[in-house]
């Protein structure tokens, strides 16, 4: 408990609490996993920057006691790219929701992945636009209801990690709010990776998504999230029929390619800046 209290005092803006998230929302769990991952990575607090866009998950930037940028809808990666190019020694974590990242921010997302710039994208996927009205997002499963799909969406959802890999990202992982320790470990691994990393964090939204789709209460949604997930290790070698209805969690891909900021500084004949001793 003492460790939790210390992390709370060090890494949260306690005067901003209590938070605005609905009861049963997984955003707090994901945010806590991020805090523990930063502690585990042993980064200097002054070197960490949290960048977020607009939406439920993006409100985390207001609660986290680091350098923070709360930016415009869909543009968090654009702001983060500019900051990384100016100050490449900083450790940037970009918190986005599924709509924020893959809809209005989709173009920034694929080009951040294509550049393989050293940013850590944490995409909280609750399958819907929560704060902005309950509209369906590109990650809303087909057939599920939203304010903009009252009879169920007809559009197939993205596989966000496959989209990222196809665009050029070099690290991709998936975790969920029902397994916070695994999520913490995945964020840590992504943070240590040199290049564009994405961790998709599946999170329940009992109000805007669960209630409309009759998925039960928060406990039911969290239980389903855990029971319908299967690790990459357990999924290996299984037939497609055995994985039907399951979500694979763990590291999905991980490989090395040149990192954009380092390549840019090299191209202009300059050493990439490093943290000063002061």
C-alpha atoms as a PDB file:
ATOM      1  CA  UNK A   1       0.000   0.000   0.000  1.00  0.00           C
ATOM      2  CA  UNK A   2       2.887   2.350   0.799  1.00  0.00           C
ATOM      3  CA  UNK A   3       4.179   1.972  -2.774  1.00  0.00           C
ATOM      4  CA  UNK A   4       0.743   2.814  -4.211  1.00  0.00           C
ATOM      5  CA  UNK A   5       0.472   5.866  -1.986  1.00  0.00           C
ATOM      6  CA  UNK A   6       3.937   7.008  -3.045  1.00  0.00           C
ATOM      7  CA  UNK A   7       3.117   6.608  -6.745  1.00  0.00           C
ATOM      8  CA  UNK A   8      -0.104   8.539  -6.192  1.00  0.00           C
ATOM      9  CA  UNK A   9       1.696  11.408  -4.529  1.00  0.00           C
ATOM     10  CA  UNK A  10       4.544  11.479  -7.059  1.00  0.00           C
ATOM     11  CA  UNK A  11       2.756  10.903 -10.355  1.00  0.00           C
ATOM     12  CA  UNK A  12      -0.821  12.171  -9.919  1.00  0.00           C
ATOM     13  CA  UNK A  13      -2.114  15.716  -9.635  1.00  0.00           C
ATOM     14  CA  UNK A  14      -4.154  14.898  -6.570  1.00  0.00           C
ATOM     15  CA  UNK A  15      -5.772  18.347  -6.468  1.00  0.00           C
ATOM     16  CA  UNK A  16      -7.463  17.462  -9.782  1.00  0.00           C
ATOM     17  CA  UNK A  17      -9.156  14.433  -8.225  1.00  0.00           C
ATOM     18  CA  UNK A  18     -11.752  12.967  -8.064  1.00  0.00           C
ATOM     19  CA  UNK A  19     -11.750  12.112 -11.752  1.00  0.00           C
ATOM     20  CA  UNK A  20     -14.705  12.473 -14.110  1.00  0.00           C
ATOM     21  CA  UNK A  21     -14.805   8.898 -15.421  1.00  0.00           C
ATOM     22  CA  UNK A  22     -18.006   6.900 -15.029  1.00  0.00           C
ATOM     23  CA  UNK A  23     -18.232   4.058 -12.480  1.00  0.00           C
ATOM     24  CA  UNK A  24     -16.954   0.873 -14.081  1.00  0.00           C
ATOM     25  CA  UNK A  25     -14.923   2.649 -16.768  1.00  0.00           C
ATOM     26  CA  UNK A  26     -11.497   1.124 -17.365  1.00  0.00           C
ATOM     27  CA  UNK A  27      -9.678   4.413 -17.999  1.00  0.00           C
ATOM     28  CA  UNK A  28      -8.447   4.646 -14.412  1.00  0.00           C
ATOM     29  CA  UNK A  29      -7.018   1.122 -14.581  1.00  0.00           C
ATOM     30  CA  UNK A  30      -5.202   1.891 -17.837  1.00  0.00           C
ATOM     31  CA  UNK A  31      -3.860   5.153 -16.410  1.00  0.00           C
ATOM     32  CA  UNK A  32      -2.611   3.351 -13.307  1.00  0.00           C
ATOM     33  CA  UNK A  33      -0.884   0.750 -15.499  1.00  0.00           C
ATOM     34  CA  UNK A  34       0.826   3.570 -17.400  1.00  0.00           C
ATOM     35  CA  UNK A  35       2.029   5.155 -14.158  1.00  0.00           C
ATOM     36  CA  UNK A  36       3.464   1.853 -12.933  1.00  0.00           C
ATOM     37  CA  UNK A  37       5.095   1.261 -16.325  1.00  0.00           C
ATOM     38  CA  UNK A  38       6.835   4.642 -16.189  1.00  0.00           C
ATOM     39  CA  UNK A  39       8.054   3.804 -12.683  1.00  0.00           C
ATOM     40  CA  UNK A  40       9.203   0.378 -13.872  1.00  0.00           C
ATOM     41  CA  UNK A  41      11.070   1.948 -16.821  1.00  0.00           C
ATOM     42  CA  UNK A  42      12.943   4.139 -14.293  1.00  0.00           C
ATOM     43  CA  UNK A  43      12.537   7.365 -16.268  1.00  0.00           C
ATOM     44  CA  UNK A  44      13.247  10.733 -14.733  1.00  0.00           C
ATOM     45  CA  UNK A  45       9.841  12.309 -14.132  1.00  0.00           C
ATOM     46  CA  UNK A  46      11.077  15.558 -15.721  1.00  0.00           C
ATOM     47  CA  UNK A  47      11.872  13.745 -18.969  1.00  0.00           C
ATOM     48  CA  UNK A  48       8.403  12.226 -19.407  1.00  0.00           C
ATOM     49  CA  UNK A  49       5.737  13.981 -21.484  1.00  0.00           C
ATOM     50  CA  UNK A  50       2.101  12.879 -21.672  1.00  0.00           C
ATOM     51  CA  UNK A  51       0.288  14.025 -24.815  1.00  0.00           C
ATOM     52  CA  UNK A  52      -3.435  13.473 -25.310  1.00  0.00           C
ATOM     53  CA  UNK A  53      -6.210  14.482 -27.670  1.00  0.00           C
ATOM     54  CA  UNK A  54      -9.909  14.790 -26.845  1.00  0.00           C
ATOM     55  CA  UNK A  55     -12.150  12.185 -25.265  1.00  0.00           C
ATOM     56  CA  UNK A  56     -12.625  10.190 -22.079  1.00  0.00           C
ATOM     57  CA  UNK A  57      -9.175   8.587 -22.033  1.00  0.00           C
ATOM     58  CA  UNK A  58      -7.461  11.823 -23.054  1.00  0.00           C
ATOM     59  CA  UNK A  59      -8.565  13.398 -19.789  1.00  0.00           C
ATOM     60  CA  UNK A  60      -5.776  11.366 -18.131  1.00  0.00           C
ATOM     61  CA  UNK A  61      -3.290  14.071 -19.112  1.00  0.00           C
ATOM     62  CA  UNK A  62      -4.982  16.391 -16.628  1.00  0.00           C
ATOM     63  CA  UNK A  63      -4.473  13.969 -13.746  1.00  0.00           C
ATOM     64  CA  UNK A  64      -0.876  12.916 -14.433  1.00  0.00           C
ATOM     65  CA  UNK A  65       1.921  14.883 -12.775  1.00  0.00           C
ATOM     66  CA  UNK A  66       4.333  15.047 -15.701  1.00  0.00           C
ATOM     67  CA  UNK A  67       4.917  17.526 -18.483  1.00  0.00           C
ATOM     68  CA  UNK A  68       1.590  17.311 -20.329  1.00  0.00           C
ATOM     69  CA  UNK A  69      -0.059  18.497 -23.523  1.00  0.00           C
ATOM     70  CA  UNK A  70      -3.854  18.220 -23.827  1.00  0.00           C
ATOM     71  CA  UNK A  71      -4.298  18.861 -27.541  1.00  0.00           C
ATOM     72  CA  UNK A  72      -7.067  18.894 -30.138  1.00  0.00           C
ATOM     73  CA  UNK A  73      -9.232  16.030 -31.331  1.00  0.00           C
ATOM     74  CA  UNK A  74      -7.254  13.533 -33.399  1.00  0.00           C
ATOM     75  CA  UNK A  75      -4.074  15.622 -33.415  1.00  0.00           C
ATOM     76  CA  UNK A  76      -2.204  14.271 -30.411  1.00  0.00           C
ATOM     77  CA  UNK A  77       0.353  12.423 -32.562  1.00  0.00           C
ATOM     78  CA  UNK A  78       0.988  15.533 -34.663  1.00  0.00           C
ATOM     79  CA  UNK A  79       1.775  17.583 -31.553  1.00  0.00           C
ATOM     80  CA  UNK A  80       3.889  14.730 -30.164  1.00  0.00           C
ATOM     81  CA  UNK A  81       5.839  14.447 -33.428  1.00  0.00           C
ATOM     82  CA  UNK A  82       6.751  18.127 -33.310  1.00  0.00           C
ATOM     83  CA  UNK A  83       7.890  17.850 -29.705  1.00  0.00           C
ATOM     84  CA  UNK A  84       9.916  14.694 -30.380  1.00  0.00           C
ATOM     85  CA  UNK A  85      11.724  16.345 -33.281  1.00  0.00           C
ATOM     86  CA  UNK A  86      12.571  19.391 -31.154  1.00  0.00           C
ATOM     87  CA  UNK A  87      13.445  17.442 -28.000  1.00  0.00           C
ATOM     88  CA  UNK A  88      14.231  13.849 -29.015  1.00  0.00           C
ATOM     89  CA  UNK A  89      15.695  13.023 -25.613  1.00  0.00           C
ATOM     90  CA  UNK A  90      12.224  13.212 -24.002  1.00  0.00           C
ATOM     91  CA  UNK A  91      10.078  10.130 -23.356  1.00  0.00           C
ATOM     92  CA  UNK A  92       6.664  10.683 -24.947  1.00  0.00           C
ATOM     93  CA  UNK A  93       3.484   8.756 -24.200  1.00  0.00           C
ATOM     94  CA  UNK A  94       0.478   9.613 -26.372  1.00  0.00           C
ATOM     95  CA  UNK A  95      -2.897   8.682 -24.863  1.00  0.00           C
ATOM     96  CA  UNK A  96      -5.782   8.395 -27.324  1.00  0.00           C
ATOM     97  CA  UNK A  97      -9.181   6.797 -27.602  1.00  0.00           C
ATOM     98  CA  UNK A  98     -10.263   4.515 -30.431  1.00  0.00           C
ATOM     99  CA  UNK A  99     -12.169   7.256 -32.250  1.00  0.00           C
ATOM    100  CA  UNK A 100      -9.580   9.936 -31.496  1.00  0.00           C
ATOM    101  CA  UNK A 101      -6.808   7.744 -32.913  1.00  0.00           C
ATOM    102  CA  UNK A 102      -8.354   5.828 -35.790  1.00  0.00           C
ATOM    103  CA  UNK A 103     -11.025   8.194 -37.147  1.00  0.00           C
ATOM    104  CA  UNK A 104     -10.268  11.912 -37.043  1.00  0.00           C
ATOM    105  CA  UNK A 105      -6.648  11.090 -36.159  1.00  0.00           C
ATOM    106  CA  UNK A 106      -6.248   8.190 -38.580  1.00  0.00           C
ATOM    107  CA  UNK A 107      -4.022  10.027 -41.028  1.00  0.00           C
ATOM    108  CA  UNK A 108      -1.643  11.144 -38.271  1.00  0.00           C
ATOM    109  CA  UNK A 109      -1.637   7.599 -36.904  1.00  0.00           C
ATOM    110  CA  UNK A 110      -0.577   5.852 -40.100  1.00  0.00           C
ATOM    111  CA  UNK A 111       2.130   8.406 -40.862  1.00  0.00           C
ATOM    112  CA  UNK A 112       3.531   8.304 -37.334  1.00  0.00           C
ATOM    113  CA  UNK A 113       3.790   4.549 -37.799  1.00  0.00           C
ATOM    114  CA  UNK A 114       5.276   4.976 -41.289  1.00  0.00           C
ATOM    115  CA  UNK A 115       7.992   7.279 -39.978  1.00  0.00           C
ATOM    116  CA  UNK A 116       8.727   4.906 -37.100  1.00  0.00           C
ATOM    117  CA  UNK A 117       9.213   7.912 -34.849  1.00  0.00           C
ATOM    118  CA  UNK A 118       9.970   7.066 -31.215  1.00  0.00           C
ATOM    119  CA  UNK A 119       6.538   7.696 -29.695  1.00  0.00           C
ATOM    120  CA  UNK A 120       4.560   5.425 -27.397  1.00  0.00           C
ATOM    121  CA  UNK A 121       0.885   5.365 -28.399  1.00  0.00           C
ATOM    122  CA  UNK A 122      -1.508   4.121 -25.723  1.00  0.00           C
ATOM    123  CA  UNK A 123      -4.868   3.604 -27.449  1.00  0.00           C
ATOM    124  CA  UNK A 124      -7.712   3.020 -25.004  1.00  0.00           C
ATOM    125  CA  UNK A 125     -10.223   1.048 -27.038  1.00  0.00           C
ATOM    126  CA  UNK A 126     -13.714   1.050 -25.531  1.00  0.00           C
ATOM    127  CA  UNK A 127     -15.300   0.544 -28.976  1.00  0.00           C
ATOM    128  CA  UNK A 128     -17.162   3.851 -29.008  1.00  0.00           C
ATOM    129  CA  UNK A 129     -16.977   7.624 -28.714  1.00  0.00           C
ATOM    130  CA  UNK A 130     -17.838   8.020 -25.048  1.00  0.00           C
ATOM    131  CA  UNK A 131     -17.430  11.656 -24.044  1.00  0.00           C
ATOM    132  CA  UNK A 132     -18.479  13.170 -27.355  1.00  0.00           C
ATOM    133  CA  UNK A 133     -21.872  11.535 -27.796  1.00  0.00           C
ATOM    134  CA  UNK A 134     -21.785   7.739 -28.118  1.00  0.00           C
ATOM    135  CA  UNK A 135     -21.127   7.607 -31.860  1.00  0.00           C
ATOM    136  CA  UNK A 136     -19.645   4.453 -33.381  1.00  0.00           C
ATOM    137  CA  UNK A 137     -15.911   4.513 -34.117  1.00  0.00           C
ATOM    138  CA  UNK A 138     -13.768   2.599 -36.620  1.00  0.00           C
ATOM    139  CA  UNK A 139     -13.174   0.081 -33.804  1.00  0.00           C
ATOM    140  CA  UNK A 140     -16.843  -0.521 -32.959  1.00  0.00           C
ATOM    141  CA  UNK A 141     -17.522  -4.200 -33.745  1.00  0.00           C
ATOM    142  CA  UNK A 142     -19.880  -4.782 -36.640  1.00  0.00           C
ATOM    143  CA  UNK A 143     -23.506  -5.055 -35.559  1.00  0.00           C
ATOM    144  CA  UNK A 144     -23.058  -3.123 -32.298  1.00  0.00           C
ATOM    145  CA  UNK A 145     -25.289  -0.142 -31.579  1.00  0.00           C
ATOM    146  CA  UNK A 146     -24.305   3.484 -31.143  1.00  0.00           C
ATOM    147  CA  UNK A 147     -26.064   6.847 -31.414  1.00  0.00           C
ATOM    148  CA  UNK A 148     -25.007   6.943 -35.052  1.00  0.00           C
ATOM    149  CA  UNK A 149     -25.878   3.281 -35.589  1.00  0.00           C
ATOM    150  CA  UNK A 150     -29.175   2.708 -33.758  1.00  0.00           C
ATOM    151  CA  UNK A 151     -29.746  -0.606 -35.558  1.00  0.00           C
ATOM    152  CA  UNK A 152     -26.126  -1.692 -35.354  1.00  0.00           C
ATOM    153  CA  UNK A 153     -23.124  -0.557 -37.352  1.00  0.00           C
ATOM    154  CA  UNK A 154     -22.740  -2.018 -40.835  1.00  0.00           C
ATOM    155  CA  UNK A 155     -19.055  -1.193 -41.111  1.00  0.00           C
ATOM    156  CA  UNK A 156     -16.303  -3.699 -40.360  1.00  0.00           C
ATOM    157  CA  UNK A 157     -13.928  -2.562 -37.660  1.00  0.00           C
ATOM    158  CA  UNK A 158     -10.206  -2.032 -38.098  1.00  0.00           C
ATOM    159  CA  UNK A 159      -7.713  -4.450 -36.624  1.00  0.00           C
ATOM    160  CA  UNK A 160      -5.727  -1.546 -35.205  1.00  0.00           C
ATOM    161  CA  UNK A 161      -2.478  -3.441 -34.659  1.00  0.00           C
ATOM    162  CA  UNK A 162      -2.489  -4.910 -38.153  1.00  0.00           C
ATOM    163  CA  UNK A 163      -3.149  -1.418 -39.512  1.00  0.00           C
ATOM    164  CA  UNK A 164      -0.193  -0.115 -37.499  1.00  0.00           C
ATOM    165  CA  UNK A 165       2.075  -2.936 -38.649  1.00  0.00           C
ATOM    166  CA  UNK A 166       1.076  -2.424 -42.279  1.00  0.00           C
ATOM    167  CA  UNK A 167       1.814   1.287 -41.959  1.00  0.00           C
ATOM    168  CA  UNK A 168       5.293   0.655 -40.541  1.00  0.00           C
ATOM    169  CA  UNK A 169       5.091   0.584 -36.741  1.00  0.00           C
ATOM    170  CA  UNK A 170       7.763  -1.633 -35.206  1.00  0.00           C
ATOM    171  CA  UNK A 171       6.150  -2.613 -31.881  1.00  0.00           C
ATOM    172  CA  UNK A 172       2.539  -3.555 -31.295  1.00  0.00           C
ATOM    173  CA  UNK A 173       0.862  -5.108 -28.276  1.00  0.00           C
ATOM    174  CA  UNK A 174      -2.621  -5.564 -26.877  1.00  0.00           C
ATOM    175  CA  UNK A 175      -3.752  -5.759 -23.279  1.00  0.00           C
ATOM    176  CA  UNK A 176      -6.917  -5.036 -21.344  1.00  0.00           C
ATOM    177  CA  UNK A 177      -8.173  -3.404 -18.180  1.00  0.00           C
ATOM    178  CA  UNK A 178      -9.136  -6.792 -16.724  1.00  0.00           C
ATOM    179  CA  UNK A 179      -5.471  -7.853 -16.667  1.00  0.00           C
ATOM    180  CA  UNK A 180      -3.691  -4.695 -15.473  1.00  0.00           C
ATOM    181  CA  UNK A 181      -0.351  -6.274 -14.615  1.00  0.00           C
ATOM    182  CA  UNK A 182       0.047  -7.666 -18.108  1.00  0.00           C
ATOM    183  CA  UNK A 183      -0.938  -4.260 -19.489  1.00  0.00           C
ATOM    184  CA  UNK A 184       1.706  -2.594 -17.320  1.00  0.00           C
ATOM    185  CA  UNK A 185       4.357  -4.982 -18.646  1.00  0.00           C
ATOM    186  CA  UNK A 186       3.322  -4.369 -22.260  1.00  0.00           C
ATOM    187  CA  UNK A 187       3.489  -0.588 -21.851  1.00  0.00           C
ATOM    188  CA  UNK A 188       6.935  -0.956 -20.285  1.00  0.00           C
ATOM    189  CA  UNK A 189       8.162  -3.055 -23.198  1.00  0.00           C
ATOM    190  CA  UNK A 190       6.757  -0.557 -25.677  1.00  0.00           C
ATOM    191  CA  UNK A 191       8.452   2.294 -23.834  1.00  0.00           C
ATOM    192  CA  UNK A 192      11.829   0.580 -24.025  1.00  0.00           C
ATOM    193  CA  UNK A 193      11.427  -0.071 -27.749  1.00  0.00           C
ATOM    194  CA  UNK A 194      13.205   2.358 -30.082  1.00  0.00           C
ATOM    195  CA  UNK A 195      10.662   3.373 -32.705  1.00  0.00           C
ATOM    196  CA  UNK A 196       6.904   3.793 -32.961  1.00  0.00           C
ATOM    197  CA  UNK A 197       5.150   1.570 -30.452  1.00  0.00           C
ATOM    198  CA  UNK A 198       1.441   1.062 -29.933  1.00  0.00           C
ATOM    199  CA  UNK A 199      -0.283  -0.630 -27.032  1.00  0.00           C
ATOM    200  CA  UNK A 200      -3.988  -1.168 -27.573  1.00  0.00           C
ATOM    201  CA  UNK A 201      -5.707  -1.261 -24.176  1.00  0.00           C
ATOM    202  CA  UNK A 202      -9.193  -2.765 -24.316  1.00  0.00           C
ATOM    203  CA  UNK A 203     -11.415  -1.077 -21.764  1.00  0.00           C
ATOM    204  CA  UNK A 204     -15.087  -1.423 -20.780  1.00  0.00           C
ATOM    205  CA  UNK A 205     -17.496   1.487 -21.311  1.00  0.00           C
ATOM    206  CA  UNK A 206     -20.595   0.429 -19.340  1.00  0.00           C
ATOM    207  CA  UNK A 207     -22.592   3.584 -20.100  1.00  0.00           C
ATOM    208  CA  UNK A 208     -22.240   4.670 -23.745  1.00  0.00           C
ATOM    209  CA  UNK A 209     -21.449   1.195 -25.112  1.00  0.00           C
ATOM    210  CA  UNK A 210     -22.424  -1.525 -22.643  1.00  0.00           C
ATOM    211  CA  UNK A 211     -25.855  -0.198 -21.698  1.00  0.00           C
ATOM    212  CA  UNK A 212     -26.847   0.426 -25.325  1.00  0.00           C
ATOM    213  CA  UNK A 213     -25.728  -3.077 -26.364  1.00  0.00           C
ATOM    214  CA  UNK A 214     -27.157  -4.854 -23.304  1.00  0.00           C
ATOM    215  CA  UNK A 215     -23.768  -6.178 -22.193  1.00  0.00           C
ATOM    216  CA  UNK A 216     -24.606  -6.107 -18.495  1.00  0.00           C
ATOM    217  CA  UNK A 217     -23.027  -3.996 -15.786  1.00  0.00           C
ATOM    218  CA  UNK A 218     -19.376  -3.098 -15.202  1.00  0.00           C
ATOM    219  CA  UNK A 219     -18.574  -6.405 -13.501  1.00  0.00           C
ATOM    220  CA  UNK A 220     -20.128  -8.380 -16.352  1.00  0.00           C
ATOM    221  CA  UNK A 221     -18.175  -6.419 -18.957  1.00  0.00           C
ATOM    222  CA  UNK A 222     -14.907  -6.814 -17.083  1.00  0.00           C
ATOM    223  CA  UNK A 223     -15.513 -10.539 -16.659  1.00  0.00           C
ATOM    224  CA  UNK A 224     -16.278 -10.952 -20.372  1.00  0.00           C
ATOM    225  CA  UNK A 225     -13.173  -8.953 -21.265  1.00  0.00           C
ATOM    226  CA  UNK A 226     -10.987 -11.317 -19.273  1.00  0.00           C
ATOM    227  CA  UNK A 227     -12.693 -14.549 -20.339  1.00  0.00           C
ATOM    228  CA  UNK A 228     -12.641 -13.666 -24.031  1.00  0.00           C
ATOM    229  CA  UNK A 229      -8.930 -12.809 -24.067  1.00  0.00           C
ATOM    230  CA  UNK A 230      -6.185 -15.297 -24.847  1.00  0.00           C
ATOM    231  CA  UNK A 231      -2.449 -14.714 -24.658  1.00  0.00           C
ATOM    232  CA  UNK A 232      -0.189 -14.975 -27.691  1.00  0.00           C
ATOM    233  CA  UNK A 233       1.474 -17.990 -26.058  1.00  0.00           C
ATOM    234  CA  UNK A 234      -1.791 -19.868 -25.580  1.00  0.00           C
ATOM    235  CA  UNK A 235      -3.057 -18.855 -29.017  1.00  0.00           C
ATOM    236  CA  UNK A 236       0.032 -20.192 -30.791  1.00  0.00           C
ATOM    237  CA  UNK A 237      -0.753 -23.308 -32.786  1.00  0.00           C
ATOM    238  CA  UNK A 238      -4.517 -23.131 -32.305  1.00  0.00           C
ATOM    239  CA  UNK A 239      -6.880 -23.388 -35.247  1.00  0.00           C
ATOM    240  CA  UNK A 240      -8.830 -20.320 -36.354  1.00  0.00           C
ATOM    241  CA  UNK A 241     -12.036 -22.019 -35.220  1.00  0.00           C
ATOM    242  CA  UNK A 242     -10.635 -22.334 -31.703  1.00  0.00           C
ATOM    243  CA  UNK A 243      -9.857 -18.604 -31.598  1.00  0.00           C
ATOM    244  CA  UNK A 244     -13.256 -17.458 -32.833  1.00  0.00           C
ATOM    245  CA  UNK A 245     -14.623 -14.825 -30.464  1.00  0.00           C
ATOM    246  CA  UNK A 246     -11.290 -14.506 -28.675  1.00  0.00           C
ATOM    247  CA  UNK A 247      -9.031 -11.461 -28.513  1.00  0.00           C
ATOM    248  CA  UNK A 248      -5.308 -12.149 -28.573  1.00  0.00           C
ATOM    249  CA  UNK A 249      -3.309 -10.236 -25.962  1.00  0.00           C
ATOM    250  CA  UNK A 250       0.431  -9.792 -25.556  1.00  0.00           C
ATOM    251  CA  UNK A 251       3.131  -8.607 -27.929  1.00  0.00           C
ATOM    252  CA  UNK A 252       1.779  -9.003 -31.459  1.00  0.00           C
ATOM    253  CA  UNK A 253       4.862  -7.779 -33.345  1.00  0.00           C
ATOM    254  CA  UNK A 254       8.285  -6.441 -32.447  1.00  0.00           C
ATOM    255  CA  UNK A 255      11.176  -5.698 -34.792  1.00  0.00           C
ATOM    256  CA  UNK A 256      13.850  -3.102 -35.450  1.00  0.00           C
ATOM    257  CA  UNK A 257      13.946  -0.416 -38.129  1.00  0.00           C
ATOM    258  CA  UNK A 258      15.689   2.995 -38.298  1.00  0.00           C
ATOM    259  CA  UNK A 259      14.043   5.569 -36.031  1.00  0.00           C
ATOM    260  CA  UNK A 260      12.939   8.789 -37.688  1.00  0.00           C
ATOM    261  CA  UNK A 261      14.288  11.474 -35.328  1.00  0.00           C
ATOM    262  CA  UNK A 262      17.725   9.853 -35.180  1.00  0.00           C
ATOM    263  CA  UNK A 263      17.814   9.513 -38.966  1.00  0.00           C
ATOM    264  CA  UNK A 264      16.821  13.154 -39.381  1.00  0.00           C
ATOM    265  CA  UNK A 265      19.536  14.478 -37.097  1.00  0.00           C
ATOM    266  CA  UNK A 266      22.088  12.263 -38.837  1.00  0.00           C
ATOM    267  CA  UNK A 267      20.963  13.586 -42.243  1.00  0.00           C
ATOM    268  CA  UNK A 268      21.723  17.183 -41.228  1.00  0.00           C
ATOM    269  CA  UNK A 269      25.063  16.274 -39.704  1.00  0.00           C
ATOM    270  CA  UNK A 270      24.125  16.766 -36.060  1.00  0.00           C
ATOM    271  CA  UNK A 271      24.293  14.523 -33.036  1.00  0.00           C
ATOM    272  CA  UNK A 272      20.910  13.718 -31.583  1.00  0.00           C
ATOM    273  CA  UNK A 273      20.508  15.679 -28.345  1.00  0.00           C
ATOM    274  CA  UNK A 274      20.832  13.742 -25.111  1.00  0.00           C
ATOM    275  CA  UNK A 275      19.747  14.563 -21.611  1.00  0.00           C
ATOM    276  CA  UNK A 276      22.010  17.086 -19.927  1.00  0.00           C
ATOM    277  CA  UNK A 277      23.533  16.246 -16.575  1.00  0.00           C
ATOM    278  CA  UNK A 278      21.642  19.184 -15.026  1.00  0.00           C
END
